[in-house]
Amino acid sequence: MSQFDLTGRTVVITGSSRGIGKASAIACAEQGANVVISSRKQDACDAVAAEINARFGEGRAIAVAANISDKPGLQQLVDASVAAFGQIDCLVCNAASNPYYGPQEGIADEQFRKILDNNIVSNHWLIAMAAPAMRERRDGSIVIISSIGGLRGSTVIGAYCISKAADMQLARNLAHEYGPHGVRVNCIAPGLIKTDFARALWEDPKRTEEANNRVPLRRIGEPEEIAGAVVFLASKASAFMTGQTMVIDGGVTI
C-alpha cells in the first residue's frame, strides 16, 4: 500500500469550491479519501462535490456550506462531516480573507479585524472543534494553508502577511499540545498561485512578468502544485512531521 493512500480517510477542506482548496479535494479523492467540500455558497460546494462523485464514485464527497466567520456554522460543518463519514481524519484550513491592498497605515480597523478573525481566529475555532476526537483516537492531521507572506514583509498586503505568520505560530503551538496524543499540525506556505483569490497579484501582465522574473522557476504556481503537499500531510507519508511549514513557491524566498 502506498504511503500516500487515503482510502477510508475523511478530509475536510474549507474554501474548497475553487483554487487550492478544490485542487486539494480532488487530489485527496484520487488517493481514496472521502472529502467534505466547504465554502460560503452551497451551490458552489454542490458543484464540486458532484464533480468528485462523478469521477470517483457516488458518496465520496459531500457539500457543507460554511462561512469561516460564523462559529456555529463551523460547528455545523464538523457535525455534518462526522454524521456523513463517521470521523474527520484530516482538517485542512484553507479559506482566508484579504479585503485590503495598500500601505499598512491605510487599512481600516474593520478590515484589519476581518483579516485577523478570518485567517487566525476561525482556524483556532475549527481546529478546537475537530481536534478533540482526533486526540481521543490518537490519530489525525491538521493542515493550515498559510503563505510565504508570513515569512517576509510587504508594503501591499501587510495585514494578510501578519495573519499568515500567526498561522505558522498557531501550528507550532498546537503541534506541542497535540503531539503527545498522536495528532500532527503543519502549515503549507504557497508563493504566488494562479487562483481567483490572488487575482489582483497576477492578472496584470506587467506585474506577472515582474513576479516571474523574481522566481527561480520563472513562473507562478498552479493550484494542483499545492494539492500534492496536502495529500502528503494528510497521509502516513508525513507521519513524523509536525509543527512545520512547507514552503512551495518556485524558489522565490531563497
C-alpha atoms as a PDB file:
ATOM      1  CA  MET A   1       0.000   0.000   0.000  1.00  0.00           C
ATOM      2  CA  SER A   2       1.288   3.452  -0.903  1.00  0.00           C
ATOM      3  CA  GLN A   3       2.327   5.774   1.922  1.00  0.00           C
ATOM      4  CA  PHE A   4       0.095   8.342   0.251  1.00  0.00           C
ATOM      5  CA  ASP A   5      -3.007   6.135   0.243  1.00  0.00           C
ATOM      6  CA  LEU A   6      -6.023   7.807   1.870  1.00  0.00           C
ATOM      7  CA  THR A   7      -8.593   5.067   1.357  1.00  0.00           C
ATOM      8  CA  GLY A   8     -11.273   5.259   4.011  1.00  0.00           C
ATOM      9  CA  ARG A   9      -9.940   8.532   5.429  1.00  0.00           C
ATOM     10  CA  THR A  10     -12.065  11.670   5.618  1.00  0.00           C
ATOM     11  CA  VAL A  11     -10.611  15.053   4.682  1.00  0.00           C
ATOM     12  CA  VAL A  12     -12.475  18.303   5.417  1.00  0.00           C
ATOM     13  CA  ILE A  13     -11.276  21.308   3.422  1.00  0.00           C
ATOM     14  CA  THR A  14     -12.505  24.874   3.851  1.00  0.00           C
ATOM     15  CA  GLY A  15     -12.531  27.172   0.848  1.00  0.00           C
ATOM     16  CA  SER A  16     -12.692  24.139  -1.425  1.00  0.00           C
ATOM     17  CA  SER A  17     -15.124  25.290  -4.094  1.00  0.00           C
ATOM     18  CA  ARG A  18     -12.205  26.658  -6.137  1.00  0.00           C
ATOM     19  CA  GLY A  19      -8.463  27.235  -6.244  1.00  0.00           C
ATOM     20  CA  ILE A  20      -6.092  25.424  -3.916  1.00  0.00           C
ATOM     21  CA  GLY A  21      -8.947  24.000  -1.863  1.00  0.00           C
ATOM     22  CA  LYS A  22     -10.720  22.417  -4.835  1.00  0.00           C
ATOM     23  CA  ALA A  23      -7.468  21.055  -6.272  1.00  0.00           C
ATOM     24  CA  SER A  24      -6.630  19.562  -2.876  1.00  0.00           C
ATOM     25  CA  ALA A  25     -10.044  17.935  -2.561  1.00  0.00           C
ATOM     26  CA  ILE A  26      -9.675  16.299  -5.971  1.00  0.00           C
ATOM     27  CA  ALA A  27      -6.130  15.145  -5.178  1.00  0.00           C
ATOM     28  CA  CYS A  28      -7.234  13.593  -1.875  1.00  0.00           C
ATOM     29  CA  ALA A  29     -10.165  11.876  -3.579  1.00  0.00           C
ATOM     30  CA  GLU A  30      -7.758  10.481  -6.162  1.00  0.00           C
ATOM     31  CA  GLN A  31      -5.903   8.817  -3.285  1.00  0.00           C
ATOM     32  CA  GLY A  32      -9.121   7.266  -1.967  1.00  0.00           C
ATOM     33  CA  ALA A  33     -10.290   9.819   0.603  1.00  0.00           C
ATOM     34  CA  ASN A  34     -13.814  10.882   1.364  1.00  0.00           C
ATOM     35  CA  VAL A  35     -13.897  14.663   1.107  1.00  0.00           C
ATOM     36  CA  VAL A  36     -16.062  17.396   2.564  1.00  0.00           C
ATOM     37  CA  ILE A  37     -16.341  20.452   0.337  1.00  0.00           C
ATOM     38  CA  SER A  38     -16.985  23.718   2.123  1.00  0.00           C
ATOM     39  CA  SER A  39     -17.125  27.396   1.231  1.00  0.00           C
ATOM     40  CA  ARG A  40     -19.615  30.202   1.705  1.00  0.00           C
ATOM     41  CA  LYS A  41     -22.040  29.288  -1.117  1.00  0.00           C
ATOM     42  CA  GLN A  42     -23.881  25.979  -1.084  1.00  0.00           C
ATOM     43  CA  ASP A  43     -24.368  25.831  -4.860  1.00  0.00           C
ATOM     44  CA  ALA A  44     -20.634  26.217  -5.486  1.00  0.00           C
ATOM     45  CA  CYS A  45     -19.909  23.447  -2.961  1.00  0.00           C
ATOM     46  CA  ASP A  46     -22.562  21.219  -4.524  1.00  0.00           C
ATOM     47  CA  ALA A  47     -20.960  21.595  -7.953  1.00  0.00           C
ATOM     48  CA  VAL A  48     -17.524  20.477  -6.752  1.00  0.00           C
ATOM     49  CA  ALA A  49     -18.950  17.579  -4.731  1.00  0.00           C
ATOM     50  CA  ALA A  50     -20.917  16.448  -7.787  1.00  0.00           C
ATOM     51  CA  GLU A  51     -17.794  16.609  -9.928  1.00  0.00           C
ATOM     52  CA  ILE A  52     -15.848  14.471  -7.448  1.00  0.00           C
ATOM     53  CA  ASN A  53     -18.664  11.948  -7.073  1.00  0.00           C
ATOM     54  CA  ALA A  54     -18.932  11.635 -10.845  1.00  0.00           C
ATOM     55  CA  ARG A  55     -15.213  10.938 -11.130  1.00  0.00           C
ATOM     56  CA  PHE A  56     -14.590   8.749  -8.107  1.00  0.00           C
ATOM     57  CA  GLY A  57     -17.922   7.217  -7.127  1.00  0.00           C
ATOM     58  CA  GLU A  58     -21.165   8.375  -5.554  1.00  0.00           C
ATOM     59  CA  GLY A  59     -20.909   9.252  -1.884  1.00  0.00           C
ATOM     60  CA  ARG A  60     -17.220  10.106  -1.898  1.00  0.00           C
ATOM     61  CA  ALA A  61     -17.888  13.828  -1.418  1.00  0.00           C
ATOM     62  CA  ILE A  62     -20.457  15.911   0.398  1.00  0.00           C
ATOM     63  CA  ALA A  63     -21.011  19.662   0.339  1.00  0.00           C
ATOM     64  CA  VAL A  64     -21.481  21.687   3.518  1.00  0.00           C
ATOM     65  CA  ALA A  65     -21.550  25.462   3.126  1.00  0.00           C
ATOM     66  CA  ALA A  66     -19.992  27.418   5.984  1.00  0.00           C
ATOM     67  CA  ASN A  67     -18.724  30.951   6.436  1.00  0.00           C
ATOM     68  CA  ILE A  68     -15.456  30.918   8.373  1.00  0.00           C
ATOM     69  CA  SER A  69     -16.578  33.989  10.312  1.00  0.00           C
ATOM     70  CA  ASP A  70     -19.610  32.082  11.653  1.00  0.00           C
ATOM     71  CA  LYS A  71     -18.651  29.937  14.648  1.00  0.00           C
ATOM     72  CA  PRO A  72     -21.942  27.976  14.803  1.00  0.00           C
ATOM     73  CA  GLY A  73     -21.641  27.398  11.066  1.00  0.00           C
ATOM     74  CA  LEU A  74     -18.192  25.875  11.538  1.00  0.00           C
ATOM     75  CA  GLN A  75     -19.559  23.597  14.250  1.00  0.00           C
ATOM     76  CA  GLN A  76     -22.264  22.510  11.812  1.00  0.00           C
ATOM     77  CA  LEU A  77     -19.523  21.729   9.273  1.00  0.00           C
ATOM     78  CA  VAL A  78     -17.771  19.464  11.768  1.00  0.00           C
ATOM     79  CA  ASP A  79     -21.022  17.817  12.874  1.00  0.00           C
ATOM     80  CA  ALA A  80     -22.195  17.185   9.311  1.00  0.00           C
ATOM     81  CA  SER A  81     -18.826  15.720   8.349  1.00  0.00           C
ATOM     82  CA  VAL A  82     -18.888  13.299  11.274  1.00  0.00           C
ATOM     83  CA  ALA A  83     -22.513  12.387  10.587  1.00  0.00           C
ATOM     84  CA  ALA A  84     -21.712  11.560   6.967  1.00  0.00           C
ATOM     85  CA  PHE A  85     -18.371   9.767   7.324  1.00  0.00           C
ATOM     86  CA  GLY A  86     -18.000   8.846  10.999  1.00  0.00           C
ATOM     87  CA  GLN A  87     -14.947  10.943  11.780  1.00  0.00           C
ATOM     88  CA  ILE A  88     -12.577  13.596  10.488  1.00  0.00           C
ATOM     89  CA  ASP A  89      -9.079  12.277   9.817  1.00  0.00           C
ATOM     90  CA  CYS A  90      -7.607  15.406   8.257  1.00  0.00           C
ATOM     91  CA  LEU A  91      -8.729  19.011   8.577  1.00  0.00           C
ATOM     92  CA  VAL A  92      -7.415  21.490   6.008  1.00  0.00           C
ATOM     93  CA  CYS A  93      -7.909  25.142   6.999  1.00  0.00           C
ATOM     94  CA  ASN A  94      -7.617  26.756   3.587  1.00  0.00           C
ATOM     95  CA  ALA A  95     -10.217  29.542   3.498  1.00  0.00           C
ATOM     96  CA  ALA A  96      -8.932  33.049   4.152  1.00  0.00           C
ATOM     97  CA  SER A  97      -9.717  36.725   3.535  1.00  0.00           C
ATOM     98  CA  ASN A  98      -7.790  39.732   2.309  1.00  0.00           C
ATOM     99  CA  PRO A  99     -10.057  42.749   1.735  1.00  0.00           C
ATOM    100  CA  TYR A 100      -7.264  45.351   1.557  1.00  0.00           C
ATOM    101  CA  TYR A 101      -4.297  46.089  -0.674  1.00  0.00           C
ATOM    102  CA  GLY A 102      -2.056  49.023   0.174  1.00  0.00           C
ATOM    103  CA  PRO A 103       0.172  50.504   2.888  1.00  0.00           C
ATOM    104  CA  GLN A 104      -0.382  49.238   6.424  1.00  0.00           C
ATOM    105  CA  GLU A 105      -1.202  52.715   7.741  1.00  0.00           C
ATOM    106  CA  GLY A 106      -4.149  52.953   5.346  1.00  0.00           C
ATOM    107  CA  ILE A 107      -6.039  49.864   6.457  1.00  0.00           C
ATOM    108  CA  ALA A 108      -9.347  50.463   8.223  1.00  0.00           C
ATOM    109  CA  ASP A 109      -9.882  48.889  11.633  1.00  0.00           C
ATOM    110  CA  GLU A 110     -12.729  46.720  10.391  1.00  0.00           C
ATOM    111  CA  GLN A 111     -10.580  45.429   7.509  1.00  0.00           C
ATOM    112  CA  PHE A 112      -7.703  44.592   9.833  1.00  0.00           C
ATOM    113  CA  ARG A 113     -10.038  42.797  12.243  1.00  0.00           C
ATOM    114  CA  LYS A 114     -11.671  40.855   9.423  1.00  0.00           C
ATOM    115  CA  ILE A 115      -8.281  39.586   8.247  1.00  0.00           C
ATOM    116  CA  LEU A 116      -7.216  38.551  11.744  1.00  0.00           C
ATOM    117  CA  ASP A 117     -10.593  36.987  12.569  1.00  0.00           C
ATOM    118  CA  ASN A 118     -10.949  35.046   9.331  1.00  0.00           C
ATOM    119  CA  ASN A 119      -7.329  33.987   8.911  1.00  0.00           C
ATOM    120  CA  ILE A 120      -6.395  33.187  12.513  1.00  0.00           C
ATOM    121  CA  VAL A 121      -9.342  33.082  14.907  1.00  0.00           C
ATOM    122  CA  SER A 122     -11.521  30.984  12.601  1.00  0.00           C
ATOM    123  CA  ASN A 123      -8.713  28.431  12.260  1.00  0.00           C
ATOM    124  CA  HIS A 124      -8.455  28.315  16.045  1.00  0.00           C
ATOM    125  CA  TRP A 125     -12.209  27.719  16.294  1.00  0.00           C
ATOM    126  CA  LEU A 126     -12.349  24.983  13.683  1.00  0.00           C
ATOM    127  CA  ILE A 127      -9.305  23.147  14.984  1.00  0.00           C
ATOM    128  CA  ALA A 128     -10.696  23.260  18.534  1.00  0.00           C
ATOM    129  CA  MET A 129     -13.889  21.654  17.215  1.00  0.00           C
ATOM    130  CA  ALA A 130     -12.234  18.881  15.199  1.00  0.00           C
ATOM    131  CA  ALA A 131      -9.131  18.055  17.242  1.00  0.00           C
ATOM    132  CA  PRO A 132     -10.664  16.531  20.415  1.00  0.00           C
ATOM    133  CA  ALA A 133     -11.951  13.459  18.548  1.00  0.00           C
ATOM    134  CA  MET A 134      -8.574  13.089  16.826  1.00  0.00           C
ATOM    135  CA  ARG A 135      -6.887  13.281  20.206  1.00  0.00           C
ATOM    136  CA  GLU A 136      -9.144  10.575  21.599  1.00  0.00           C
ATOM    137  CA  ARG A 137      -8.271   8.281  18.674  1.00  0.00           C
ATOM    138  CA  ARG A 138      -4.598   9.304  18.888  1.00  0.00           C
ATOM    139  CA  ASP A 139      -4.609   9.912  15.160  1.00  0.00           C
ATOM    140  CA  GLY A 140      -5.196  12.889  12.913  1.00  0.00           C
ATOM    141  CA  SER A 141      -3.627  15.570  10.767  1.00  0.00           C
ATOM    142  CA  ILE A 142      -4.380  19.286  10.703  1.00  0.00           C
ATOM    143  CA  VAL A 143      -3.126  21.429   7.833  1.00  0.00           C
ATOM    144  CA  ILE A 144      -3.221  25.226   7.716  1.00  0.00           C
ATOM    145  CA  ILE A 145      -2.698  26.888   4.349  1.00  0.00           C
ATOM    146  CA  SER A 146      -0.503  29.839   5.244  1.00  0.00           C
ATOM    147  CA  SER A 147       1.600  31.873   2.775  1.00  0.00           C
ATOM    148  CA  ILE A 148       5.159  32.949   2.135  1.00  0.00           C
ATOM    149  CA  GLY A 149       3.740  36.331   3.111  1.00  0.00           C
ATOM    150  CA  GLY A 150       4.164  35.074   6.667  1.00  0.00           C
ATOM    151  CA  LEU A 151       7.916  34.833   6.101  1.00  0.00           C
ATOM    152  CA  ARG A 152       8.597  38.248   4.586  1.00  0.00           C
ATOM    153  CA  GLY A 153       7.438  41.836   4.737  1.00  0.00           C
ATOM    154  CA  SER A 154       5.094  43.571   2.321  1.00  0.00           C
ATOM    155  CA  THR A 155       4.055  47.131   1.557  1.00  0.00           C
ATOM    156  CA  VAL A 156       0.884  45.902  -0.163  1.00  0.00           C
ATOM    157  CA  ILE A 157      -0.606  43.003   1.848  1.00  0.00           C
ATOM    158  CA  GLY A 158       0.921  43.658   5.252  1.00  0.00           C
ATOM    159  CA  ALA A 159      -2.056  42.689   7.408  1.00  0.00           C
ATOM    160  CA  TYR A 160      -2.515  39.471   5.436  1.00  0.00           C
ATOM    161  CA  CYS A 161       1.167  38.674   5.975  1.00  0.00           C
ATOM    162  CA  ILE A 162       0.775  39.257   9.717  1.00  0.00           C
ATOM    163  CA  SER A 163      -2.123  36.811   9.809  1.00  0.00           C
ATOM    164  CA  LYS A 164      -0.198  34.177   7.884  1.00  0.00           C
ATOM    165  CA  ALA A 165       2.807  34.461  10.196  1.00  0.00           C
ATOM    166  CA  ALA A 166       0.414  33.940  13.092  1.00  0.00           C
ATOM    167  CA  ASP A 167      -0.931  30.787  11.433  1.00  0.00           C
ATOM    168  CA  MET A 168       2.586  29.341  11.432  1.00  0.00           C
ATOM    169  CA  GLN A 169       2.883  30.032  15.153  1.00  0.00           C
ATOM    170  CA  LEU A 170      -0.578  28.568  15.747  1.00  0.00           C
ATOM    171  CA  ALA A 171       0.633  25.356  14.108  1.00  0.00           C
ATOM    172  CA  ARG A 172       3.779  25.278  16.256  1.00  0.00           C
ATOM    173  CA  ASN A 173       1.812  25.821  19.461  1.00  0.00           C
ATOM    174  CA  LEU A 174      -0.771  23.175  18.620  1.00  0.00           C
ATOM    175  CA  ALA A 175       1.895  20.720  17.496  1.00  0.00           C
ATOM    176  CA  HIS A 176       3.208  20.848  21.069  1.00  0.00           C
ATOM    177  CA  GLU A 177      -0.264  20.443  22.541  1.00  0.00           C
ATOM    178  CA  TYR A 178      -1.489  17.628  20.320  1.00  0.00           C
ATOM    179  CA  GLY A 179       1.764  15.827  19.523  1.00  0.00           C
ATOM    180  CA  PRO A 180       1.703  13.668  22.675  1.00  0.00           C
ATOM    181  CA  HIS A 181      -1.735  12.470  21.539  1.00  0.00           C
ATOM    182  CA  GLY A 182      -0.686  11.452  18.028  1.00  0.00           C
ATOM    183  CA  VAL A 183      -2.176  14.464  16.225  1.00  0.00           C
ATOM    184  CA  ARG A 184       0.013  16.416  13.824  1.00  0.00           C
ATOM    185  CA  VAL A 185      -0.336  20.108  12.883  1.00  0.00           C
ATOM    186  CA  ASN A 186       1.529  21.626   9.943  1.00  0.00           C
ATOM    187  CA  CYS A 187       1.374  24.582   7.552  1.00  0.00           C
ATOM    188  CA  ILE A 188       1.851  24.968   3.834  1.00  0.00           C
ATOM    189  CA  ALA A 189       3.205  28.328   2.657  1.00  0.00           C
ATOM    190  CA  PRO A 190       2.495  28.794  -1.056  1.00  0.00           C
ATOM    191  CA  GLY A 191       4.059  31.505  -3.143  1.00  0.00           C
ATOM    192  CA  LEU A 192       2.017  33.281  -5.800  1.00  0.00           C
ATOM    193  CA  ILE A 193      -0.538  30.785  -7.130  1.00  0.00           C
ATOM    194  CA  LYS A 194      -2.902  31.378 -10.049  1.00  0.00           C
ATOM    195  CA  THR A 195      -6.161  31.457  -8.107  1.00  0.00           C
ATOM    196  CA  ASP A 196      -9.120  33.832  -8.065  1.00  0.00           C
ATOM    197  CA  PHE A 197      -8.144  34.778  -4.506  1.00  0.00           C
ATOM    198  CA  ALA A 198      -4.767  36.101  -5.704  1.00  0.00           C
ATOM    199  CA  ARG A 199      -6.080  37.551  -8.958  1.00  0.00           C
ATOM    200  CA  ALA A 200      -5.130  41.114  -8.000  1.00  0.00           C
ATOM    201  CA  LEU A 201      -1.494  39.993  -7.792  1.00  0.00           C
ATOM    202  CA  TRP A 202      -1.252  38.179 -11.137  1.00  0.00           C
ATOM    203  CA  GLU A 203      -3.903  39.346 -13.610  1.00  0.00           C
ATOM    204  CA  ASP A 204      -1.882  42.417 -14.684  1.00  0.00           C
ATOM    205  CA  PRO A 205       0.564  41.106 -17.354  1.00  0.00           C
ATOM    206  CA  LYS A 206       3.268  43.586 -16.328  1.00  0.00           C
ATOM    207  CA  ARG A 207       3.021  42.632 -12.687  1.00  0.00           C
ATOM    208  CA  THR A 208       3.049  38.931 -13.600  1.00  0.00           C
ATOM    209  CA  GLU A 209       6.183  39.381 -15.710  1.00  0.00           C
ATOM    210  CA  GLU A 210       7.892  41.214 -12.846  1.00  0.00           C
ATOM    211  CA  ALA A 211       6.887  38.449 -10.439  1.00  0.00           C
ATOM    212  CA  ASN A 212       8.102  35.730 -12.776  1.00  0.00           C
ATOM    213  CA  ASN A 213      11.492  37.376 -13.091  1.00  0.00           C
ATOM    214  CA  ARG A 214      11.973  37.093  -9.327  1.00  0.00           C
ATOM    215  CA  VAL A 215      11.111  33.380  -9.241  1.00  0.00           C
ATOM    216  CA  PRO A 216      13.885  30.865  -9.978  1.00  0.00           C
ATOM    217  CA  LEU A 217      11.368  28.674 -11.843  1.00  0.00           C
ATOM    218  CA  ARG A 218      10.284  31.789 -13.789  1.00  0.00           C
ATOM    219  CA  ARG A 219       6.548  31.311 -13.372  1.00  0.00           C
ATOM    220  CA  ILE A 220       3.742  31.468 -10.832  1.00  0.00           C
ATOM    221  CA  GLY A 221       2.288  28.271  -9.408  1.00  0.00           C
ATOM    222  CA  GLU A 222      -0.881  26.352 -10.173  1.00  0.00           C
ATOM    223  CA  PRO A 223      -3.352  25.118  -7.510  1.00  0.00           C
ATOM    224  CA  GLU A 224      -2.561  21.484  -8.323  1.00  0.00           C
ATOM    225  CA  GLU A 225       1.055  22.112  -7.346  1.00  0.00           C
ATOM    226  CA  ILE A 226      -0.017  22.776  -3.760  1.00  0.00           C
ATOM    227  CA  ALA A 227      -2.506  19.901  -3.650  1.00  0.00           C
ATOM    228  CA  GLY A 228       0.246  17.282  -3.594  1.00  0.00           C
ATOM    229  CA  ALA A 229       1.568  18.714  -0.344  1.00  0.00           C
ATOM    230  CA  VAL A 230      -1.917  18.463   1.169  1.00  0.00           C
ATOM    231  CA  VAL A 231      -2.026  14.770   0.232  1.00  0.00           C
ATOM    232  CA  PHE A 232       1.426  14.311   1.785  1.00  0.00           C
ATOM    233  CA  LEU A 233       0.407  15.954   5.062  1.00  0.00           C
ATOM    234  CA  ALA A 234      -2.905  14.083   5.181  1.00  0.00           C
ATOM    235  CA  SER A 235      -1.229  10.709   4.667  1.00  0.00           C
ATOM    236  CA  LYS A 236       1.124   8.399   6.526  1.00  0.00           C
ATOM    237  CA  ALA A 237       3.948   9.685   4.321  1.00  0.00           C
ATOM    238  CA  SER A 238       4.273  12.629   6.738  1.00  0.00           C
ATOM    239  CA  ALA A 239       3.768  10.614   9.948  1.00  0.00           C
ATOM    240  CA  PHE A 240       6.892  12.044  11.634  1.00  0.00           C
ATOM    241  CA  MET A 241       6.303  15.670  10.645  1.00  0.00           C
ATOM    242  CA  THR A 242       4.616  18.227  12.867  1.00  0.00           C
ATOM    243  CA  GLY A 243       4.866  21.926  13.678  1.00  0.00           C
ATOM    244  CA  GLN A 244       6.492  22.655  10.344  1.00  0.00           C
ATOM    245  CA  THR A 245       5.855  24.991   7.419  1.00  0.00           C
ATOM    246  CA  MET A 246       6.331  23.612   3.905  1.00  0.00           C
ATOM    247  CA  VAL A 247       7.332  26.415   1.531  1.00  0.00           C
ATOM    248  CA  ILE A 248       6.163  25.840  -2.066  1.00  0.00           C
ATOM    249  CA  ASP A 249       6.986  28.978  -4.006  1.00  0.00           C
ATOM    250  CA  GLY A 250       9.084  28.197  -7.078  1.00  0.00           C
ATOM    251  CA  GLY A 251      12.121  29.197  -5.060  1.00  0.00           C
ATOM    252  CA  VAL A 252      11.266  32.866  -4.625  1.00  0.00           C
ATOM    253  CA  THR A 253      12.090  33.026  -0.898  1.00  0.00           C
ATOM    254  CA  ILE A 254      15.629  31.698  -1.401  1.00  0.00           C
END
